């Protein structure tokens, strides 16, 4: 399930990769780095940006390579393959801002209630200490809050859809570390 969700997020990033080559944003100045991940199971799509088709038959589990895009504002509409752009989009993300110097991932995914949506996540690419790694977890599944465990201890707690959390971990753990999501204990957690 985790691999599938990661693959879907990657697909959404692919959509935006084509965006830079085909669609001029409003008020462009400088560039930002964007990837797209498609994480909506069972929905092959056509992707449009500012009214222009970017991707055809974009399959779930696909992630684009990072793409440099002109800074500006993009309206992203995602239709079931062959159904757009005059119909009702399956997913719409209006006013997606690409800022000069940013590094982000756009993820088409399901809400906690199971409805298709899109979220934009900032990618932290800052330097960390030698021998360390940055673990970033994005909750994009139709599921309740989760805890992420490392070696059976909760590393990240109460992560809700559509939020992300990160932790700095040993790059080469001894003994090897196993990471796994687990349903969070029942409690009220408010997204930020």
C-alpha atoms as a PDB file:
ATOM      1  CA  UNK A   1       0.000   0.000   0.000  1.00  0.00           C
ATOM      2  CA  UNK A   2       2.830   2.420   0.879  1.00  0.00           C
ATOM      3  CA  UNK A   3       4.580   1.766  -2.431  1.00  0.00           C
ATOM      4  CA  UNK A   4       1.323   2.288  -4.310  1.00  0.00           C
ATOM      5  CA  UNK A   5       0.647   5.626  -2.592  1.00  0.00           C
ATOM      6  CA  UNK A   6       4.177   6.788  -3.284  1.00  0.00           C
ATOM      7  CA  UNK A   7       3.804   5.828  -6.919  1.00  0.00           C
ATOM      8  CA  UNK A   8       0.550   7.736  -7.218  1.00  0.00           C
ATOM      9  CA  UNK A   9       2.141  10.861  -5.774  1.00  0.00           C
ATOM     10  CA  UNK A  10       4.908  10.521  -8.319  1.00  0.00           C
ATOM     11  CA  UNK A  11       2.383  10.447 -11.134  1.00  0.00           C
ATOM     12  CA  UNK A  12       0.926  13.765 -10.128  1.00  0.00           C
ATOM     13  CA  UNK A  13       4.388  15.249 -10.295  1.00  0.00           C
ATOM     14  CA  UNK A  14       4.727  14.039 -13.873  1.00  0.00           C
ATOM     15  CA  UNK A  15       1.722  16.116 -14.813  1.00  0.00           C
ATOM     16  CA  UNK A  16       3.388  19.300 -13.689  1.00  0.00           C
ATOM     17  CA  UNK A  17       6.627  18.383 -15.442  1.00  0.00           C
ATOM     18  CA  UNK A  18       4.939  18.767 -18.788  1.00  0.00           C
ATOM     19  CA  UNK A  19       3.296  21.935 -17.545  1.00  0.00           C
ATOM     20  CA  UNK A  20       6.472  23.990 -17.755  1.00  0.00           C
ATOM     21  CA  UNK A  21       6.986  23.175 -21.409  1.00  0.00           C
ATOM     22  CA  UNK A  22       3.404  23.765 -22.538  1.00  0.00           C
ATOM     23  CA  UNK A  23       1.699  26.386 -20.408  1.00  0.00           C
ATOM     24  CA  UNK A  24       2.807  29.901 -19.566  1.00  0.00           C
ATOM     25  CA  UNK A  25       1.753  30.861 -16.043  1.00  0.00           C
ATOM     26  CA  UNK A  26       0.300  34.199 -15.071  1.00  0.00           C
ATOM     27  CA  UNK A  27       3.001  36.660 -13.944  1.00  0.00           C
ATOM     28  CA  UNK A  28       6.082  34.473 -14.564  1.00  0.00           C
ATOM     29  CA  UNK A  29       9.402  35.586 -13.022  1.00  0.00           C
ATOM     30  CA  UNK A  30      12.104  33.039 -12.109  1.00  0.00           C
ATOM     31  CA  UNK A  31      11.570  29.300 -11.803  1.00  0.00           C
ATOM     32  CA  UNK A  32      10.563  26.696  -9.240  1.00  0.00           C
ATOM     33  CA  UNK A  33      11.096  22.924  -9.189  1.00  0.00           C
ATOM     34  CA  UNK A  34       7.926  20.821  -9.269  1.00  0.00           C
ATOM     35  CA  UNK A  35       7.174  17.103  -9.427  1.00  0.00           C
ATOM     36  CA  UNK A  36       3.719  15.521  -9.798  1.00  0.00           C
ATOM     37  CA  UNK A  37       2.477  12.273  -8.288  1.00  0.00           C
ATOM     38  CA  UNK A  38      -0.745  10.498  -9.321  1.00  0.00           C
ATOM     39  CA  UNK A  39      -2.034   8.607  -6.290  1.00  0.00           C
ATOM     40  CA  UNK A  40      -5.722   8.130  -7.052  1.00  0.00           C
ATOM     41  CA  UNK A  41      -6.320   4.397  -7.511  1.00  0.00           C
ATOM     42  CA  UNK A  42      -8.359   3.227 -10.491  1.00  0.00           C
ATOM     43  CA  UNK A  43      -8.499   6.618 -12.251  1.00  0.00           C
ATOM     44  CA  UNK A  44      -6.501   7.088 -15.461  1.00  0.00           C
ATOM     45  CA  UNK A  45      -6.600  10.793 -16.285  1.00  0.00           C
ATOM     46  CA  UNK A  46      -5.855  13.607 -18.695  1.00  0.00           C
ATOM     47  CA  UNK A  47      -4.248  16.615 -17.024  1.00  0.00           C
ATOM     48  CA  UNK A  48      -4.707  20.248 -18.035  1.00  0.00           C
ATOM     49  CA  UNK A  49      -2.942  23.395 -16.831  1.00  0.00           C
ATOM     50  CA  UNK A  50      -4.356  26.820 -17.566  1.00  0.00           C
ATOM     51  CA  UNK A  51      -6.657  25.133 -20.101  1.00  0.00           C
ATOM     52  CA  UNK A  52      -3.944  23.324 -22.072  1.00  0.00           C
ATOM     53  CA  UNK A  53      -3.544  19.545 -22.076  1.00  0.00           C
ATOM     54  CA  UNK A  54      -0.353  18.420 -20.349  1.00  0.00           C
ATOM     55  CA  UNK A  55      -0.703  14.669 -19.965  1.00  0.00           C
ATOM     56  CA  UNK A  56      -2.849  12.017 -21.626  1.00  0.00           C
ATOM     57  CA  UNK A  57      -3.767   8.681 -20.085  1.00  0.00           C
ATOM     58  CA  UNK A  58      -1.792   9.455 -16.932  1.00  0.00           C
ATOM     59  CA  UNK A  59      -1.940   6.271 -14.876  1.00  0.00           C
ATOM     60  CA  UNK A  60      -2.117   5.869 -11.087  1.00  0.00           C
ATOM     61  CA  UNK A  61       1.237   5.207  -9.476  1.00  0.00           C
ATOM     62  CA  UNK A  62       3.156   7.525 -11.810  1.00  0.00           C
ATOM     63  CA  UNK A  63       5.575  10.226 -10.601  1.00  0.00           C
ATOM     64  CA  UNK A  64       7.184  12.782 -12.892  1.00  0.00           C
ATOM     65  CA  UNK A  65      10.804  13.797 -12.761  1.00  0.00           C
ATOM     66  CA  UNK A  66      11.414  17.194 -11.125  1.00  0.00           C
ATOM     67  CA  UNK A  67      10.718  19.963 -13.623  1.00  0.00           C
ATOM     68  CA  UNK A  68      11.769  23.611 -13.657  1.00  0.00           C
ATOM     69  CA  UNK A  69       8.653  25.740 -14.169  1.00  0.00           C
ATOM     70  CA  UNK A  70       8.251  29.467 -14.654  1.00  0.00           C
ATOM     71  CA  UNK A  71       7.057  31.120 -11.447  1.00  0.00           C
ATOM     72  CA  UNK A  72       3.397  32.050 -11.554  1.00  0.00           C
ATOM     73  CA  UNK A  73      -0.094  30.771 -10.877  1.00  0.00           C
ATOM     74  CA  UNK A  74      -1.508  27.618 -12.458  1.00  0.00           C
ATOM     75  CA  UNK A  75      -5.041  26.230 -12.566  1.00  0.00           C
ATOM     76  CA  UNK A  76      -4.738  22.438 -12.737  1.00  0.00           C
ATOM     77  CA  UNK A  77      -7.746  20.385 -13.848  1.00  0.00           C
ATOM     78  CA  UNK A  78      -7.723  16.611 -13.966  1.00  0.00           C
ATOM     79  CA  UNK A  79     -10.341  14.699 -15.953  1.00  0.00           C
ATOM     80  CA  UNK A  80     -11.026  11.004 -16.385  1.00  0.00           C
ATOM     81  CA  UNK A  81      -9.114  10.073 -19.565  1.00  0.00           C
ATOM     82  CA  UNK A  82     -10.992  11.273 -22.640  1.00  0.00           C
ATOM     83  CA  UNK A  83     -13.588  13.300 -20.675  1.00  0.00           C
ATOM     84  CA  UNK A  84     -12.172  16.840 -20.595  1.00  0.00           C
ATOM     85  CA  UNK A  85     -11.826  19.736 -20.769  1.00  0.00           C
ATOM     86  CA  UNK A  86     -15.462  20.731 -21.286  1.00  0.00           C
ATOM     87  CA  UNK A  87     -16.833  18.410 -18.604  1.00  0.00           C
ATOM     88  CA  UNK A  88     -16.578  18.399 -14.841  1.00  0.00           C
ATOM     89  CA  UNK A  89     -13.053  17.628 -13.596  1.00  0.00           C
ATOM     90  CA  UNK A  90     -12.452  14.717 -11.234  1.00  0.00           C
ATOM     91  CA  UNK A  91      -9.908  16.918  -9.436  1.00  0.00           C
ATOM     92  CA  UNK A  92      -9.352  20.662  -9.608  1.00  0.00           C
ATOM     93  CA  UNK A  93      -6.553  22.682  -8.041  1.00  0.00           C
ATOM     94  CA  UNK A  94      -7.030  26.386  -8.730  1.00  0.00           C
ATOM     95  CA  UNK A  95      -4.400  28.986  -8.061  1.00  0.00           C
ATOM     96  CA  UNK A  96      -1.428  26.641  -7.601  1.00  0.00           C
ATOM     97  CA  UNK A  97       1.451  29.040  -6.996  1.00  0.00           C
ATOM     98  CA  UNK A  98       4.918  28.211  -8.273  1.00  0.00           C
ATOM     99  CA  UNK A  99       7.375  30.530  -6.530  1.00  0.00           C
ATOM    100  CA  UNK A 100      10.902  31.223  -7.775  1.00  0.00           C
ATOM    101  CA  UNK A 101      13.353  28.938  -5.966  1.00  0.00           C
ATOM    102  CA  UNK A 102      10.689  26.615  -4.513  1.00  0.00           C
ATOM    103  CA  UNK A 103      10.899  22.818  -4.635  1.00  0.00           C
ATOM    104  CA  UNK A 104       7.480  21.160  -4.364  1.00  0.00           C
ATOM    105  CA  UNK A 105       5.472  18.062  -5.139  1.00  0.00           C
ATOM    106  CA  UNK A 106       1.862  18.189  -6.290  1.00  0.00           C
ATOM    107  CA  UNK A 107       0.022  15.031  -5.273  1.00  0.00           C
ATOM    108  CA  UNK A 108      -3.328  13.927  -6.693  1.00  0.00           C
ATOM    109  CA  UNK A 109      -4.711  11.667  -3.949  1.00  0.00           C
ATOM    110  CA  UNK A 110      -7.761  10.737  -1.895  1.00  0.00           C
ATOM    111  CA  UNK A 111      -9.058  12.618   1.118  1.00  0.00           C
ATOM    112  CA  UNK A 112      -9.520  10.731   4.391  1.00  0.00           C
ATOM    113  CA  UNK A 113     -13.153  10.297   3.250  1.00  0.00           C
ATOM    114  CA  UNK A 114     -12.048   8.774  -0.079  1.00  0.00           C
ATOM    115  CA  UNK A 115     -12.732  11.701  -2.452  1.00  0.00           C
ATOM    116  CA  UNK A 116     -10.162  12.731  -5.094  1.00  0.00           C
ATOM    117  CA  UNK A 117      -8.227  15.924  -4.309  1.00  0.00           C
ATOM    118  CA  UNK A 118      -4.827  17.535  -4.857  1.00  0.00           C
ATOM    119  CA  UNK A 119      -2.276  18.831  -2.346  1.00  0.00           C
ATOM    120  CA  UNK A 120       0.950  20.785  -2.782  1.00  0.00           C
ATOM    121  CA  UNK A 121       3.842  19.888  -0.481  1.00  0.00           C
ATOM    122  CA  UNK A 122       7.078  21.822  -0.007  1.00  0.00           C
ATOM    123  CA  UNK A 123      10.127  19.568  -0.382  1.00  0.00           C
ATOM    124  CA  UNK A 124      12.719  20.298   2.300  1.00  0.00           C
ATOM    125  CA  UNK A 125      16.036  19.984   0.481  1.00  0.00           C
ATOM    126  CA  UNK A 126      18.116  21.787   3.105  1.00  0.00           C
ATOM    127  CA  UNK A 127      21.454  20.321   4.193  1.00  0.00           C
ATOM    128  CA  UNK A 128      21.559  17.915   7.133  1.00  0.00           C
ATOM    129  CA  UNK A 129      24.464  16.513   9.127  1.00  0.00           C
ATOM    130  CA  UNK A 130      26.665  13.761   7.682  1.00  0.00           C
ATOM    131  CA  UNK A 131      25.440  10.290   8.576  1.00  0.00           C
ATOM    132  CA  UNK A 132      21.817  11.461   8.803  1.00  0.00           C
ATOM    133  CA  UNK A 133      18.817  11.199   6.479  1.00  0.00           C
ATOM    134  CA  UNK A 134      15.543  13.105   6.316  1.00  0.00           C
ATOM    135  CA  UNK A 135      12.442  10.891   6.456  1.00  0.00           C
ATOM    136  CA  UNK A 136       9.379  12.674   5.051  1.00  0.00           C
ATOM    137  CA  UNK A 137       5.971  11.034   5.351  1.00  0.00           C
ATOM    138  CA  UNK A 138       2.918  12.406   3.537  1.00  0.00           C
ATOM    139  CA  UNK A 139      -0.483  11.050   4.526  1.00  0.00           C
ATOM    140  CA  UNK A 140      -2.389  10.899   1.236  1.00  0.00           C
ATOM    141  CA  UNK A 141      -4.476   7.770   1.844  1.00  0.00           C
ATOM    142  CA  UNK A 142      -8.195   7.396   2.466  1.00  0.00           C
ATOM    143  CA  UNK A 143      -7.416   6.422   6.031  1.00  0.00           C
ATOM    144  CA  UNK A 144      -7.550   7.787   9.585  1.00  0.00           C
ATOM    145  CA  UNK A 145      -4.560   9.275  11.395  1.00  0.00           C
ATOM    146  CA  UNK A 146      -1.429   7.142  11.461  1.00  0.00           C
ATOM    147  CA  UNK A 147       1.683   6.803  13.561  1.00  0.00           C
ATOM    148  CA  UNK A 148       4.932   5.984  11.767  1.00  0.00           C
ATOM    149  CA  UNK A 149       7.054   3.517  13.700  1.00  0.00           C
ATOM    150  CA  UNK A 150      10.770   2.850  13.486  1.00  0.00           C
ATOM    151  CA  UNK A 151      11.975  -0.333  15.166  1.00  0.00           C
ATOM    152  CA  UNK A 152       8.572  -0.597  16.869  1.00  0.00           C
ATOM    153  CA  UNK A 153       8.750   2.901  18.414  1.00  0.00           C
ATOM    154  CA  UNK A 154       6.486   5.729  17.256  1.00  0.00           C
ATOM    155  CA  UNK A 155       8.673   8.164  15.322  1.00  0.00           C
ATOM    156  CA  UNK A 156       5.832  10.351  14.002  1.00  0.00           C
ATOM    157  CA  UNK A 157       2.476  10.402  15.791  1.00  0.00           C
ATOM    158  CA  UNK A 158      -1.074  11.241  14.744  1.00  0.00           C
ATOM    159  CA  UNK A 159      -0.341  12.164  11.107  1.00  0.00           C
ATOM    160  CA  UNK A 160      -3.604  13.049   9.353  1.00  0.00           C
ATOM    161  CA  UNK A 161      -4.545  13.405   5.677  1.00  0.00           C
ATOM    162  CA  UNK A 162      -3.420  15.699   3.902  1.00  0.00           C
ATOM    163  CA  UNK A 163      -0.475  16.582   6.121  1.00  0.00           C
ATOM    164  CA  UNK A 164       3.206  15.719   6.139  1.00  0.00           C
ATOM    165  CA  UNK A 165       5.761  15.232   8.887  1.00  0.00           C
ATOM    166  CA  UNK A 166       9.486  14.643   8.893  1.00  0.00           C
ATOM    167  CA  UNK A 167      12.231  13.355  11.133  1.00  0.00           C
ATOM    168  CA  UNK A 168      16.009  13.234  10.925  1.00  0.00           C
ATOM    169  CA  UNK A 169      17.157   9.615  11.271  1.00  0.00           C
ATOM    170  CA  UNK A 170      20.484   7.771  11.032  1.00  0.00           C
ATOM    171  CA  UNK A 171      21.439   7.287   7.378  1.00  0.00           C
ATOM    172  CA  UNK A 172      22.873   3.824   8.032  1.00  0.00           C
ATOM    173  CA  UNK A 173      21.129   2.508  11.113  1.00  0.00           C
ATOM    174  CA  UNK A 174      22.545  -0.372  13.126  1.00  0.00           C
ATOM    175  CA  UNK A 175      20.669  -2.630  13.457  1.00  0.00           C
ATOM    176  CA  UNK A 176      18.665  -1.949  10.265  1.00  0.00           C
ATOM    177  CA  UNK A 177      15.610   0.201  10.860  1.00  0.00           C
ATOM    178  CA  UNK A 178      12.196  -0.867   9.617  1.00  0.00           C
ATOM    179  CA  UNK A 179       9.601   1.865   9.091  1.00  0.00           C
ATOM    180  CA  UNK A 180       5.875   1.095   9.064  1.00  0.00           C
ATOM    181  CA  UNK A 181       2.642   3.046   9.299  1.00  0.00           C
ATOM    182  CA  UNK A 182       0.232   2.063  12.045  1.00  0.00           C
ATOM    183  CA  UNK A 183      -3.239   3.303  12.816  1.00  0.00           C
ATOM    184  CA  UNK A 184      -2.915   6.025  15.419  1.00  0.00           C
ATOM    185  CA  UNK A 185      -4.557   5.439  18.779  1.00  0.00           C
ATOM    186  CA  UNK A 186      -8.113   6.811  18.890  1.00  0.00           C
ATOM    187  CA  UNK A 187      -7.894  10.454  19.781  1.00  0.00           C
ATOM    188  CA  UNK A 188      -8.840  13.773  18.324  1.00  0.00           C
ATOM    189  CA  UNK A 189      -6.132  15.228  16.084  1.00  0.00           C
ATOM    190  CA  UNK A 190      -6.642  18.462  14.200  1.00  0.00           C
ATOM    191  CA  UNK A 191      -4.809  19.065  10.933  1.00  0.00           C
ATOM    192  CA  UNK A 192      -2.651  22.174  10.802  1.00  0.00           C
END
